[in-house]
N, C-alpha and C. Protein backbone atom coordinates (compact mmCIF):
# COMPACT_ATOMS: atom_id res chain seq x y z
N MET A 1 -16.63 -10.55 9.70
CA MET A 1 -15.37 -11.06 9.15
C MET A 1 -14.20 -10.31 9.75
N LYS A 2 -13.21 -11.07 10.23
CA LYS A 2 -12.01 -10.45 10.78
C LYS A 2 -10.84 -10.63 9.82
N TYR A 3 -10.05 -9.58 9.66
CA TYR A 3 -8.86 -9.64 8.84
C TYR A 3 -7.68 -10.03 9.73
N SER A 4 -6.87 -10.95 9.25
CA SER A 4 -5.75 -11.44 10.05
C SER A 4 -4.50 -10.61 9.80
N VAL A 5 -3.78 -10.36 10.87
CA VAL A 5 -2.57 -9.53 10.82
C VAL A 5 -1.42 -10.31 11.46
N VAL A 6 -0.25 -10.24 10.86
CA VAL A 6 0.96 -10.81 11.45
C VAL A 6 1.94 -9.67 11.70
N ILE A 7 2.57 -9.69 12.85
CA ILE A 7 3.52 -8.64 13.23
C ILE A 7 4.94 -9.20 13.19
N VAL A 8 5.83 -8.49 12.51
CA VAL A 8 7.25 -8.87 12.46
C VAL A 8 8.04 -7.77 13.17
N GLU A 9 8.48 -8.09 14.37
CA GLU A 9 9.13 -7.09 15.23
C GLU A 9 9.99 -7.82 16.26
N ASP A 10 11.27 -7.42 16.37
CA ASP A 10 12.17 -8.14 17.26
C ASP A 10 12.19 -7.59 18.68
N HIS A 11 11.55 -6.46 18.93
CA HIS A 11 11.47 -5.93 20.29
C HIS A 11 10.17 -6.42 20.94
N ALA A 12 10.31 -7.25 21.95
CA ALA A 12 9.17 -7.95 22.53
C ALA A 12 8.11 -7.00 23.08
N LEU A 13 8.53 -5.97 23.79
CA LEU A 13 7.56 -5.06 24.40
C LEU A 13 6.75 -4.32 23.34
N PHE A 14 7.42 -3.85 22.31
CA PHE A 14 6.69 -3.14 21.25
C PHE A 14 5.77 -4.11 20.51
N SER A 15 6.24 -5.33 20.29
CA SER A 15 5.43 -6.33 19.60
C SER A 15 4.16 -6.62 20.41
N GLN A 16 4.29 -6.75 21.72
CA GLN A 16 3.13 -7.01 22.58
C GLN A 16 2.16 -5.83 22.58
N ALA A 17 2.72 -4.61 22.66
CA ALA A 17 1.88 -3.41 22.66
C ALA A 17 1.14 -3.27 21.33
N LEU A 18 1.84 -3.54 20.23
CA LEU A 18 1.22 -3.44 18.91
C LEU A 18 0.14 -4.50 18.73
N THR A 19 0.38 -5.68 19.27
CA THR A 19 -0.63 -6.75 19.21
C THR A 19 -1.91 -6.31 19.90
N SER A 20 -1.78 -5.75 21.09
CA SER A 20 -2.95 -5.28 21.83
C SER A 20 -3.67 -4.17 21.07
N LEU A 21 -2.89 -3.30 20.46
CA LEU A 21 -3.47 -2.18 19.71
C LEU A 21 -4.27 -2.67 18.51
N VAL A 22 -3.68 -3.58 17.74
CA VAL A 22 -4.37 -4.11 16.56
C VAL A 22 -5.63 -4.87 16.96
N ASN A 23 -5.53 -5.66 18.01
CA ASN A 23 -6.68 -6.44 18.47
C ASN A 23 -7.82 -5.57 18.99
N SER A 24 -7.51 -4.32 19.34
CA SER A 24 -8.55 -3.41 19.83
C SER A 24 -9.29 -2.73 18.68
N ILE A 25 -8.80 -2.88 17.45
CA ILE A 25 -9.43 -2.28 16.27
C ILE A 25 -10.46 -3.27 15.73
N PRO A 26 -11.72 -2.86 15.58
CA PRO A 26 -12.76 -3.79 15.09
C PRO A 26 -12.38 -4.45 13.77
N ASN A 27 -12.66 -5.74 13.68
CA ASN A 27 -12.49 -6.55 12.47
C ASN A 27 -11.03 -6.89 12.15
N TYR A 28 -10.12 -6.63 13.08
CA TYR A 28 -8.73 -6.99 12.87
C TYR A 28 -8.22 -7.77 14.08
N GLU A 29 -7.44 -8.82 13.83
CA GLU A 29 -6.85 -9.58 14.92
C GLU A 29 -5.47 -10.10 14.51
N VAL A 30 -4.57 -10.15 15.48
CA VAL A 30 -3.22 -10.64 15.23
C VAL A 30 -3.22 -12.16 15.28
N ALA A 31 -2.81 -12.78 14.18
CA ALA A 31 -2.76 -14.24 14.12
C ALA A 31 -1.55 -14.77 14.89
N TYR A 32 -0.40 -14.13 14.68
CA TYR A 32 0.81 -14.50 15.41
C TYR A 32 1.86 -13.42 15.19
N THR A 33 2.94 -13.49 15.92
CA THR A 33 4.04 -12.53 15.78
C THR A 33 5.33 -13.28 15.44
N CYS A 34 6.25 -12.58 14.79
CA CYS A 34 7.55 -13.14 14.42
C CYS A 34 8.64 -12.15 14.80
N LYS A 35 9.83 -12.66 15.04
CA LYS A 35 10.94 -11.81 15.41
C LYS A 35 11.73 -11.31 14.20
N ASN A 36 11.58 -11.99 13.08
CA ASN A 36 12.31 -11.59 11.87
C ASN A 36 11.65 -12.16 10.63
N GLY A 37 12.15 -11.76 9.47
CA GLY A 37 11.56 -12.19 8.22
C GLY A 37 11.69 -13.68 7.96
N ALA A 38 12.80 -14.27 8.38
CA ALA A 38 12.99 -15.71 8.17
C ALA A 38 11.92 -16.50 8.92
N GLU A 39 11.62 -16.09 10.13
CA GLU A 39 10.57 -16.77 10.91
C GLU A 39 9.22 -16.60 10.24
N LEU A 40 8.96 -15.43 9.69
CA LEU A 40 7.70 -15.19 8.98
C LEU A 40 7.56 -16.13 7.78
N ILE A 41 8.59 -16.23 6.96
CA ILE A 41 8.53 -17.07 5.76
C ILE A 41 8.34 -18.53 6.15
N ARG A 42 9.00 -18.97 7.22
CA ARG A 42 8.82 -20.35 7.69
C ARG A 42 7.37 -20.60 8.08
N ASN A 43 6.78 -19.64 8.78
CA ASN A 43 5.38 -19.78 9.21
C ASN A 43 4.43 -19.80 8.01
N LEU A 44 4.69 -18.94 7.03
CA LEU A 44 3.83 -18.89 5.85
C LEU A 44 3.84 -20.21 5.09
N LYS A 45 5.01 -20.86 5.05
CA LYS A 45 5.12 -22.13 4.34
C LYS A 45 4.31 -23.23 5.04
N LYS A 46 4.10 -23.06 6.35
CA LYS A 46 3.36 -24.08 7.11
C LYS A 46 1.85 -23.83 7.09
N GLN A 47 1.46 -22.57 6.83
CA GLN A 47 0.05 -22.20 6.95
C GLN A 47 -0.72 -22.48 5.66
N ARG A 48 -1.97 -22.89 5.81
CA ARG A 48 -2.85 -23.02 4.65
C ARG A 48 -3.51 -21.69 4.31
N LYS A 49 -3.76 -20.89 5.35
CA LYS A 49 -4.38 -19.58 5.14
C LYS A 49 -3.35 -18.50 5.47
N TYR A 50 -3.13 -17.60 4.50
CA TYR A 50 -2.15 -16.55 4.69
C TYR A 50 -2.80 -15.33 5.35
N PRO A 51 -2.01 -14.53 6.06
CA PRO A 51 -2.57 -13.32 6.67
C PRO A 51 -2.94 -12.29 5.60
N ASP A 52 -3.85 -11.41 5.95
CA ASP A 52 -4.23 -10.34 5.02
C ASP A 52 -3.17 -9.25 5.00
N ILE A 53 -2.61 -8.96 6.19
CA ILE A 53 -1.66 -7.86 6.33
C ILE A 53 -0.47 -8.29 7.20
N VAL A 54 0.70 -7.83 6.82
CA VAL A 54 1.90 -7.99 7.66
C VAL A 54 2.37 -6.61 8.08
N LEU A 55 2.47 -6.40 9.38
CA LEU A 55 3.06 -5.16 9.93
C LEU A 55 4.52 -5.46 10.23
N MET A 56 5.41 -4.73 9.59
CA MET A 56 6.82 -5.12 9.64
C MET A 56 7.75 -3.95 9.90
N ASP A 57 8.69 -4.18 10.80
CA ASP A 57 9.79 -3.23 10.97
C ASP A 57 10.81 -3.49 9.86
N ILE A 58 11.53 -2.46 9.49
CA ILE A 58 12.54 -2.62 8.44
C ILE A 58 13.79 -3.29 9.00
N ILE A 59 14.21 -2.85 10.20
CA ILE A 59 15.45 -3.33 10.79
C ILE A 59 15.14 -4.48 11.75
N VAL A 60 15.25 -5.69 11.24
CA VAL A 60 15.11 -6.89 12.08
C VAL A 60 16.26 -7.82 11.74
N PRO A 61 16.67 -8.67 12.69
CA PRO A 61 17.83 -9.54 12.45
C PRO A 61 17.52 -10.70 11.49
N VAL A 62 18.56 -11.40 11.09
CA VAL A 62 18.53 -12.62 10.28
C VAL A 62 18.11 -12.33 8.83
N TYR A 63 16.90 -11.83 8.67
CA TYR A 63 16.34 -11.61 7.33
C TYR A 63 15.60 -10.29 7.41
N ASP A 64 16.21 -9.21 6.92
CA ASP A 64 15.66 -7.88 7.21
C ASP A 64 14.41 -7.56 6.40
N GLY A 65 13.85 -6.37 6.66
CA GLY A 65 12.58 -5.98 6.08
C GLY A 65 12.58 -5.95 4.57
N LEU A 66 13.60 -5.37 3.97
CA LEU A 66 13.64 -5.25 2.51
C LEU A 66 13.68 -6.62 1.84
N GLU A 67 14.50 -7.52 2.36
CA GLU A 67 14.57 -8.87 1.81
C GLU A 67 13.23 -9.59 1.95
N THR A 68 12.62 -9.42 3.11
CA THR A 68 11.34 -10.08 3.37
C THR A 68 10.24 -9.55 2.48
N ILE A 69 10.18 -8.23 2.30
CA ILE A 69 9.17 -7.62 1.44
C ILE A 69 9.31 -8.12 0.02
N SER A 70 10.53 -8.21 -0.48
CA SER A 70 10.77 -8.71 -1.84
C SER A 70 10.31 -10.15 -1.98
N THR A 71 10.59 -10.97 -0.97
CA THR A 71 10.17 -12.37 -1.00
C THR A 71 8.65 -12.49 -0.98
N LEU A 72 8.01 -11.69 -0.14
CA LEU A 72 6.55 -11.72 -0.07
C LEU A 72 5.93 -11.31 -1.40
N LYS A 73 6.49 -10.30 -2.03
CA LYS A 73 5.96 -9.83 -3.31
C LYS A 73 6.03 -10.93 -4.36
N GLN A 74 7.10 -11.70 -4.35
CA GLN A 74 7.29 -12.75 -5.35
C GLN A 74 6.47 -14.00 -5.03
N GLN A 75 6.46 -14.41 -3.75
CA GLN A 75 5.87 -15.70 -3.39
C GLN A 75 4.46 -15.60 -2.80
N TYR A 76 4.15 -14.47 -2.18
CA TYR A 76 2.83 -14.29 -1.54
C TYR A 76 2.28 -12.91 -1.89
N PRO A 77 2.00 -12.67 -3.17
CA PRO A 77 1.63 -11.31 -3.62
C PRO A 77 0.34 -10.76 -3.03
N ARG A 78 -0.53 -11.63 -2.51
CA ARG A 78 -1.79 -11.15 -1.94
C ARG A 78 -1.62 -10.62 -0.52
N VAL A 79 -0.50 -10.91 0.11
CA VAL A 79 -0.24 -10.43 1.46
C VAL A 79 0.25 -8.99 1.39
N LYS A 80 -0.48 -8.09 2.03
CA LYS A 80 -0.13 -6.66 1.98
C LYS A 80 0.82 -6.32 3.14
N VAL A 81 1.88 -5.63 2.84
CA VAL A 81 2.87 -5.27 3.86
C VAL A 81 2.76 -3.79 4.20
N LEU A 82 2.59 -3.50 5.48
CA LEU A 82 2.63 -2.12 5.97
C LEU A 82 3.87 -1.99 6.85
N VAL A 83 4.78 -1.14 6.45
CA VAL A 83 6.03 -0.94 7.20
C VAL A 83 5.78 -0.01 8.37
N LEU A 84 6.22 -0.43 9.54
CA LEU A 84 6.20 0.40 10.75
C LEU A 84 7.63 0.55 11.21
N SER A 85 8.15 1.75 11.18
CA SER A 85 9.56 1.93 11.51
C SER A 85 9.81 3.29 12.14
N LYS A 86 10.86 3.35 12.95
CA LYS A 86 11.27 4.64 13.52
C LYS A 86 12.20 5.38 12.56
N MET A 87 12.62 4.71 11.49
CA MET A 87 13.48 5.35 10.51
C MET A 87 12.67 6.28 9.61
N ASP A 88 13.17 7.48 9.37
CA ASP A 88 12.47 8.42 8.51
C ASP A 88 13.32 8.84 7.31
N ASN A 89 14.33 8.02 7.00
CA ASN A 89 15.19 8.28 5.85
C ASN A 89 14.38 8.07 4.57
N LYS A 90 14.31 9.11 3.74
CA LYS A 90 13.46 9.05 2.54
C LYS A 90 13.90 7.94 1.59
N LYS A 91 15.19 7.73 1.46
CA LYS A 91 15.68 6.69 0.55
C LYS A 91 15.25 5.31 1.03
N ILE A 92 15.32 5.09 2.35
CA ILE A 92 14.92 3.79 2.90
C ILE A 92 13.42 3.58 2.71
N ILE A 93 12.64 4.62 2.98
CA ILE A 93 11.18 4.51 2.81
C ILE A 93 10.86 4.17 1.35
N LEU A 94 11.50 4.87 0.43
CA LEU A 94 11.26 4.63 -0.99
C LEU A 94 11.64 3.21 -1.39
N LYS A 95 12.75 2.72 -0.85
CA LYS A 95 13.19 1.36 -1.17
C LYS A 95 12.15 0.33 -0.73
N THR A 96 11.56 0.53 0.45
CA THR A 96 10.57 -0.43 0.94
C THR A 96 9.33 -0.43 0.04
N LEU A 97 8.92 0.74 -0.42
CA LEU A 97 7.74 0.84 -1.27
C LEU A 97 8.00 0.24 -2.64
N LEU A 98 9.18 0.51 -3.19
CA LEU A 98 9.52 -0.05 -4.50
C LEU A 98 9.73 -1.56 -4.41
N ALA A 99 10.12 -2.05 -3.22
CA ALA A 99 10.30 -3.49 -3.03
C ALA A 99 8.97 -4.22 -2.98
N GLY A 100 7.88 -3.47 -2.68
CA GLY A 100 6.57 -4.11 -2.66
C GLY A 100 5.69 -3.77 -1.48
N ALA A 101 6.20 -2.98 -0.52
CA ALA A 101 5.35 -2.59 0.61
C ALA A 101 4.19 -1.73 0.12
N LYS A 102 3.04 -1.87 0.75
CA LYS A 102 1.85 -1.13 0.34
C LYS A 102 1.63 0.14 1.17
N GLY A 103 2.53 0.40 2.11
CA GLY A 103 2.40 1.62 2.90
C GLY A 103 3.50 1.72 3.94
N TYR A 104 3.62 2.90 4.52
CA TYR A 104 4.65 3.16 5.53
C TYR A 104 4.07 4.05 6.62
N LEU A 105 4.36 3.69 7.88
CA LEU A 105 3.97 4.53 9.02
C LEU A 105 5.13 4.60 10.01
N PRO A 106 5.34 5.76 10.63
CA PRO A 106 6.33 5.83 11.70
C PRO A 106 5.81 5.10 12.93
N LYS A 107 6.72 4.60 13.75
CA LYS A 107 6.31 3.83 14.92
C LYS A 107 5.56 4.66 15.96
N ASP A 108 5.72 5.98 15.90
CA ASP A 108 5.02 6.83 16.87
C ASP A 108 3.68 7.32 16.34
N ALA A 109 3.16 6.69 15.28
CA ALA A 109 1.87 7.10 14.72
C ALA A 109 0.75 6.87 15.73
N GLU A 110 -0.28 7.72 15.67
CA GLU A 110 -1.44 7.58 16.55
C GLU A 110 -2.26 6.36 16.14
N LYS A 111 -3.03 5.84 17.12
CA LYS A 111 -3.88 4.68 16.87
C LYS A 111 -4.84 4.94 15.71
N GLY A 112 -5.39 6.15 15.64
CA GLY A 112 -6.35 6.48 14.58
C GLY A 112 -5.74 6.36 13.20
N LEU A 113 -4.47 6.73 13.07
CA LEU A 113 -3.80 6.64 11.77
C LEU A 113 -3.53 5.19 11.41
N LEU A 114 -3.16 4.38 12.40
CA LEU A 114 -2.96 2.95 12.15
C LEU A 114 -4.27 2.30 11.72
N ARG A 115 -5.36 2.65 12.38
CA ARG A 115 -6.67 2.11 12.01
C ARG A 115 -7.02 2.50 10.57
N LYS A 116 -6.77 3.76 10.22
CA LYS A 116 -7.04 4.22 8.86
C LYS A 116 -6.19 3.46 7.85
N ALA A 117 -4.93 3.24 8.20
CA ALA A 117 -4.03 2.52 7.30
C ALA A 117 -4.52 1.09 7.06
N LEU A 118 -4.93 0.41 8.12
CA LEU A 118 -5.41 -0.97 7.98
C LEU A 118 -6.66 -1.02 7.12
N LEU A 119 -7.58 -0.09 7.35
CA LEU A 119 -8.81 -0.05 6.57
C LEU A 119 -8.54 0.19 5.09
N GLU A 120 -7.67 1.15 4.79
CA GLU A 120 -7.40 1.48 3.39
C GLU A 120 -6.59 0.40 2.69
N LEU A 121 -5.79 -0.32 3.45
CA LEU A 121 -5.07 -1.44 2.85
C LEU A 121 -6.05 -2.48 2.32
N GLN A 122 -7.14 -2.72 3.07
CA GLN A 122 -8.12 -3.69 2.64
C GLN A 122 -9.04 -3.13 1.56
N GLU A 123 -9.39 -1.86 1.66
CA GLU A 123 -10.34 -1.27 0.71
C GLU A 123 -9.68 -0.87 -0.60
N LYS A 124 -8.49 -0.29 -0.53
CA LYS A 124 -7.82 0.24 -1.73
C LYS A 124 -6.62 -0.59 -2.18
N GLY A 125 -6.07 -1.35 -1.24
CA GLY A 125 -4.88 -2.12 -1.58
C GLY A 125 -3.58 -1.42 -1.26
N PHE A 126 -3.67 -0.18 -0.76
CA PHE A 126 -2.47 0.57 -0.40
C PHE A 126 -2.84 1.67 0.60
N PHE A 127 -1.85 2.23 1.28
CA PHE A 127 -2.06 3.38 2.15
C PHE A 127 -0.82 4.24 2.10
N HIS A 128 -1.01 5.51 1.72
CA HIS A 128 0.11 6.45 1.69
C HIS A 128 -0.31 7.76 2.36
N THR A 129 0.48 8.21 3.32
CA THR A 129 0.27 9.55 3.85
C THR A 129 0.65 10.55 2.77
N CYS A 130 0.29 11.79 2.98
CA CYS A 130 0.61 12.83 1.98
C CYS A 130 2.12 12.92 1.74
N ASP A 131 2.91 12.82 2.83
CA ASP A 131 4.36 12.92 2.69
C ASP A 131 4.93 11.78 1.84
N VAL A 132 4.43 10.58 2.08
CA VAL A 132 4.92 9.43 1.33
C VAL A 132 4.46 9.51 -0.12
N ALA A 133 3.24 9.96 -0.34
CA ALA A 133 2.74 10.12 -1.72
C ALA A 133 3.61 11.11 -2.48
N GLU A 134 3.97 12.21 -1.85
CA GLU A 134 4.84 13.21 -2.49
C GLU A 134 6.20 12.60 -2.82
N LEU A 135 6.69 11.76 -1.90
CA LEU A 135 7.98 11.11 -2.12
C LEU A 135 7.93 10.19 -3.34
N LEU A 136 6.87 9.43 -3.47
CA LEU A 136 6.72 8.53 -4.61
C LEU A 136 6.57 9.31 -5.92
N ILE A 137 5.80 10.37 -5.87
CA ILE A 137 5.60 11.19 -7.07
C ILE A 137 6.93 11.79 -7.53
N ALA A 138 7.71 12.28 -6.57
CA ALA A 138 9.00 12.86 -6.91
C ALA A 138 9.93 11.82 -7.53
N ALA A 139 9.83 10.57 -7.04
CA ALA A 139 10.67 9.50 -7.57
C ALA A 139 10.24 9.09 -8.97
N LEU A 140 8.94 9.07 -9.20
CA LEU A 140 8.42 8.67 -10.51
C LEU A 140 8.59 9.77 -11.55
N HIS A 141 8.49 11.02 -11.09
CA HIS A 141 8.55 12.16 -12.01
C HIS A 141 9.48 13.23 -11.43
N PRO A 142 10.77 13.08 -11.60
CA PRO A 142 11.72 14.06 -11.04
C PRO A 142 11.47 15.48 -11.53
N ALA A 143 11.12 15.62 -12.78
CA ALA A 143 10.85 16.95 -13.31
C ALA A 143 9.47 17.41 -12.88
N HIS A 144 9.25 18.69 -12.87
CA HIS A 144 7.94 19.23 -12.51
C HIS A 144 6.89 18.76 -13.50
N GLN A 145 5.81 18.20 -12.97
CA GLN A 145 4.77 17.64 -13.83
C GLN A 145 3.91 18.75 -14.41
N GLN A 146 3.74 18.69 -15.70
CA GLN A 146 2.95 19.72 -16.37
C GLN A 146 1.49 19.63 -15.97
N GLU A 147 0.90 20.78 -15.66
CA GLU A 147 -0.50 20.82 -15.28
C GLU A 147 -1.37 20.51 -16.49
N ALA A 148 -2.40 19.74 -16.26
CA ALA A 148 -3.31 19.39 -17.35
C ALA A 148 -4.72 19.35 -16.79
N GLU A 149 -5.65 19.81 -17.59
CA GLU A 149 -7.04 19.83 -17.15
C GLU A 149 -7.74 18.56 -17.63
N LEU A 150 -8.33 17.85 -16.68
CA LEU A 150 -9.04 16.62 -17.01
C LEU A 150 -10.54 16.91 -17.16
N LYS A 151 -11.16 16.21 -18.09
CA LYS A 151 -12.60 16.33 -18.27
C LYS A 151 -13.33 15.57 -17.17
N ASP A 152 -14.61 15.86 -17.01
CA ASP A 152 -15.39 15.23 -15.93
C ASP A 152 -15.35 13.72 -16.01
N ARG A 153 -15.54 13.18 -17.20
CA ARG A 153 -15.54 11.72 -17.35
C ARG A 153 -14.15 11.13 -17.10
N GLU A 154 -13.12 11.89 -17.44
CA GLU A 154 -11.76 11.43 -17.16
C GLU A 154 -11.51 11.40 -15.66
N ILE A 155 -12.01 12.41 -14.95
CA ILE A 155 -11.88 12.43 -13.50
C ILE A 155 -12.62 11.25 -12.88
N GLU A 156 -13.81 10.98 -13.39
CA GLU A 156 -14.57 9.83 -12.90
C GLU A 156 -13.79 8.53 -13.13
N PHE A 157 -13.18 8.43 -14.31
CA PHE A 157 -12.37 7.25 -14.61
C PHE A 157 -11.19 7.13 -13.64
N VAL A 158 -10.52 8.25 -13.36
CA VAL A 158 -9.38 8.23 -12.43
C VAL A 158 -9.82 7.72 -11.06
N LYS A 159 -10.97 8.21 -10.58
CA LYS A 159 -11.47 7.75 -9.28
C LYS A 159 -11.71 6.25 -9.29
N GLN A 160 -12.30 5.75 -10.38
CA GLN A 160 -12.56 4.32 -10.50
C GLN A 160 -11.26 3.53 -10.57
N ALA A 161 -10.27 4.09 -11.26
CA ALA A 161 -8.99 3.41 -11.43
C ALA A 161 -8.19 3.35 -10.14
N CYS A 162 -8.55 4.18 -9.16
CA CYS A 162 -7.86 4.17 -7.87
C CYS A 162 -8.41 3.09 -6.94
N THR A 163 -9.30 2.26 -7.43
CA THR A 163 -9.79 1.11 -6.69
C THR A 163 -9.10 -0.14 -7.24
N GLU A 164 -9.51 -1.30 -6.75
CA GLU A 164 -8.92 -2.55 -7.24
C GLU A 164 -9.71 -3.13 -8.42
N LYS A 165 -10.64 -2.36 -8.96
CA LYS A 165 -11.44 -2.85 -10.10
C LYS A 165 -10.56 -3.05 -11.33
N THR A 166 -10.94 -4.01 -12.14
CA THR A 166 -10.29 -4.17 -13.44
C THR A 166 -10.84 -3.12 -14.40
N TYR A 167 -10.16 -2.91 -15.51
CA TYR A 167 -10.66 -1.95 -16.50
C TYR A 167 -12.01 -2.40 -17.07
N LYS A 168 -12.20 -3.70 -17.17
CA LYS A 168 -13.47 -4.23 -17.66
C LYS A 168 -14.59 -3.89 -16.69
N GLU A 169 -14.33 -4.01 -15.40
CA GLU A 169 -15.32 -3.68 -14.37
C GLU A 169 -15.61 -2.18 -14.36
N ILE A 170 -14.58 -1.37 -14.58
CA ILE A 170 -14.77 0.08 -14.64
C ILE A 170 -15.65 0.44 -15.83
N ALA A 171 -15.42 -0.21 -16.96
CA ALA A 171 -16.24 0.05 -18.15
C ALA A 171 -17.71 -0.27 -17.86
N ARG A 172 -17.95 -1.37 -17.18
CA ARG A 172 -19.32 -1.74 -16.83
C ARG A 172 -19.96 -0.70 -15.92
N ASP A 173 -19.23 -0.27 -14.89
CA ASP A 173 -19.80 0.68 -13.93
C ASP A 173 -20.00 2.07 -14.53
N MET A 174 -19.18 2.42 -15.52
CA MET A 174 -19.32 3.73 -16.17
C MET A 174 -20.23 3.66 -17.40
N CYS A 175 -20.75 2.45 -17.66
CA CYS A 175 -21.69 2.25 -18.78
C CYS A 175 -21.09 2.64 -20.13
N VAL A 176 -19.84 2.25 -20.33
CA VAL A 176 -19.18 2.49 -21.61
C VAL A 176 -18.48 1.20 -22.03
N SER A 177 -17.96 1.18 -23.23
CA SER A 177 -17.26 -0.01 -23.71
C SER A 177 -15.83 -0.05 -23.18
N PRO A 178 -15.23 -1.24 -23.12
CA PRO A 178 -13.83 -1.33 -22.71
C PRO A 178 -12.90 -0.49 -23.58
N LYS A 179 -13.23 -0.34 -24.87
CA LYS A 179 -12.39 0.49 -25.75
C LYS A 179 -12.44 1.96 -25.35
N THR A 180 -13.62 2.42 -24.88
CA THR A 180 -13.74 3.80 -24.41
C THR A 180 -12.87 4.01 -23.17
N ILE A 181 -12.88 3.01 -22.29
CA ILE A 181 -12.05 3.08 -21.08
C ILE A 181 -10.57 3.12 -21.46
N GLU A 182 -10.19 2.33 -22.44
CA GLU A 182 -8.81 2.37 -22.92
C GLU A 182 -8.47 3.76 -23.46
N GLY A 183 -9.45 4.39 -24.11
CA GLY A 183 -9.25 5.74 -24.62
C GLY A 183 -9.03 6.74 -23.50
N TYR A 184 -9.86 6.64 -22.44
CA TYR A 184 -9.67 7.51 -21.28
C TYR A 184 -8.26 7.32 -20.69
N ARG A 185 -7.91 6.06 -20.51
CA ARG A 185 -6.60 5.75 -19.92
C ARG A 185 -5.46 6.33 -20.75
N ASP A 186 -5.48 6.07 -22.05
CA ASP A 186 -4.39 6.54 -22.91
C ASP A 186 -4.32 8.06 -22.96
N ALA A 187 -5.49 8.71 -22.97
CA ALA A 187 -5.53 10.17 -23.02
C ALA A 187 -4.96 10.77 -21.73
N ILE A 188 -5.31 10.16 -20.60
CA ILE A 188 -4.83 10.65 -19.30
C ILE A 188 -3.34 10.42 -19.17
N PHE A 189 -2.89 9.24 -19.58
CA PHE A 189 -1.45 8.97 -19.51
C PHE A 189 -0.67 9.99 -20.34
N GLU A 190 -1.19 10.33 -21.50
CA GLU A 190 -0.51 11.29 -22.37
C GLU A 190 -0.55 12.70 -21.78
N LYS A 191 -1.72 13.11 -21.28
CA LYS A 191 -1.86 14.45 -20.70
C LYS A 191 -0.94 14.66 -19.50
N LEU A 192 -0.87 13.62 -18.65
CA LEU A 192 -0.15 13.77 -17.39
C LEU A 192 1.26 13.18 -17.42
N ASN A 193 1.64 12.68 -18.59
CA ASN A 193 2.97 12.07 -18.73
C ASN A 193 3.16 10.92 -17.74
N LEU A 194 2.16 10.05 -17.69
CA LEU A 194 2.19 8.90 -16.79
C LEU A 194 2.52 7.64 -17.57
N LYS A 195 3.04 6.63 -16.85
CA LYS A 195 3.41 5.39 -17.50
C LYS A 195 2.57 4.20 -17.05
N ASN A 196 1.94 4.31 -15.88
CA ASN A 196 1.19 3.17 -15.37
C ASN A 196 0.09 3.62 -14.40
N ARG A 197 -0.68 2.66 -13.94
CA ARG A 197 -1.82 2.95 -13.07
C ARG A 197 -1.39 3.48 -11.71
N THR A 198 -0.25 3.00 -11.24
CA THR A 198 0.27 3.49 -9.95
C THR A 198 0.53 4.98 -10.01
N GLY A 199 1.12 5.43 -11.12
CA GLY A 199 1.37 6.87 -11.28
C GLY A 199 0.07 7.66 -11.30
N MET A 200 -0.99 7.08 -11.88
CA MET A 200 -2.28 7.76 -11.91
C MET A 200 -2.87 7.88 -10.50
N VAL A 201 -2.70 6.83 -9.69
CA VAL A 201 -3.18 6.87 -8.30
C VAL A 201 -2.45 7.95 -7.52
N LEU A 202 -1.15 8.03 -7.70
CA LEU A 202 -0.37 9.03 -6.99
C LEU A 202 -0.75 10.44 -7.42
N TYR A 203 -1.00 10.62 -8.72
CA TYR A 203 -1.46 11.92 -9.21
C TYR A 203 -2.80 12.28 -8.57
N ALA A 204 -3.69 11.30 -8.45
CA ALA A 204 -5.02 11.55 -7.87
C ALA A 204 -4.91 11.96 -6.41
N ILE A 205 -3.99 11.34 -5.68
CA ILE A 205 -3.78 11.70 -4.27
C ILE A 205 -3.22 13.11 -4.17
N LYS A 206 -2.21 13.40 -4.96
CA LYS A 206 -1.55 14.72 -4.91
C LYS A 206 -2.51 15.85 -5.24
N ASN A 207 -3.44 15.60 -6.17
CA ASN A 207 -4.34 16.64 -6.63
C ASN A 207 -5.74 16.56 -6.02
N ASN A 208 -5.81 15.81 -4.90
CA ASN A 208 -7.06 15.74 -4.10
C ASN A 208 -8.26 15.21 -4.88
N ILE A 209 -7.99 14.36 -5.89
CA ILE A 209 -9.08 13.69 -6.58
C ILE A 209 -9.63 12.58 -5.72
N ILE A 210 -8.72 11.92 -4.98
CA ILE A 210 -9.10 10.97 -3.93
C ILE A 210 -8.37 11.36 -2.66
N SER A 211 -8.83 10.85 -1.52
CA SER A 211 -8.19 11.14 -0.25
C SER A 211 -7.08 10.13 0.01
N PRO A 212 -5.91 10.55 0.51
CA PRO A 212 -4.82 9.63 0.80
C PRO A 212 -5.15 8.78 2.02
């Protein structure tokens, strides 16, 4: 099975080079390329099958990256967006992630890191380097997060929650009732001062419970 990728990039040479790079990674192939977000949305409206991943620059003409990411999140939520940009402004990176992007990589990233990002996007639904994870954690929790000790079963639950499984599926795999899983979740949220599952994933990355 091959995962389809669409590239949104207005610089032709970089777009061609990135296409060759993605096509050289096993199980991934570029379906088509677009010069801007407006062209991407037009193509999606014509297609019966949507791409698995969109590799997108933030700064593109006509319909920029942030606008496009927001539109994709609303209209095509299953399409995962990985931002590739030469911009390293923390505020811009954070805006793209909050808009709905599932990861960020600098344009000078090595092929191995791009391959890892593509794989984790499909396996986990997101990809964050350590730097980006720290940025998200700081945004979600400006104050220093209080250290809390998790029990073994709570740690196991956190690992399970960092996948795309539903809480019902996690309960089945951990051989407990859904109410027990709800108890784990509520206890962890209270201990770590978390508000949602995304915050729990970021905590797990920061504390090496899972690998970023």
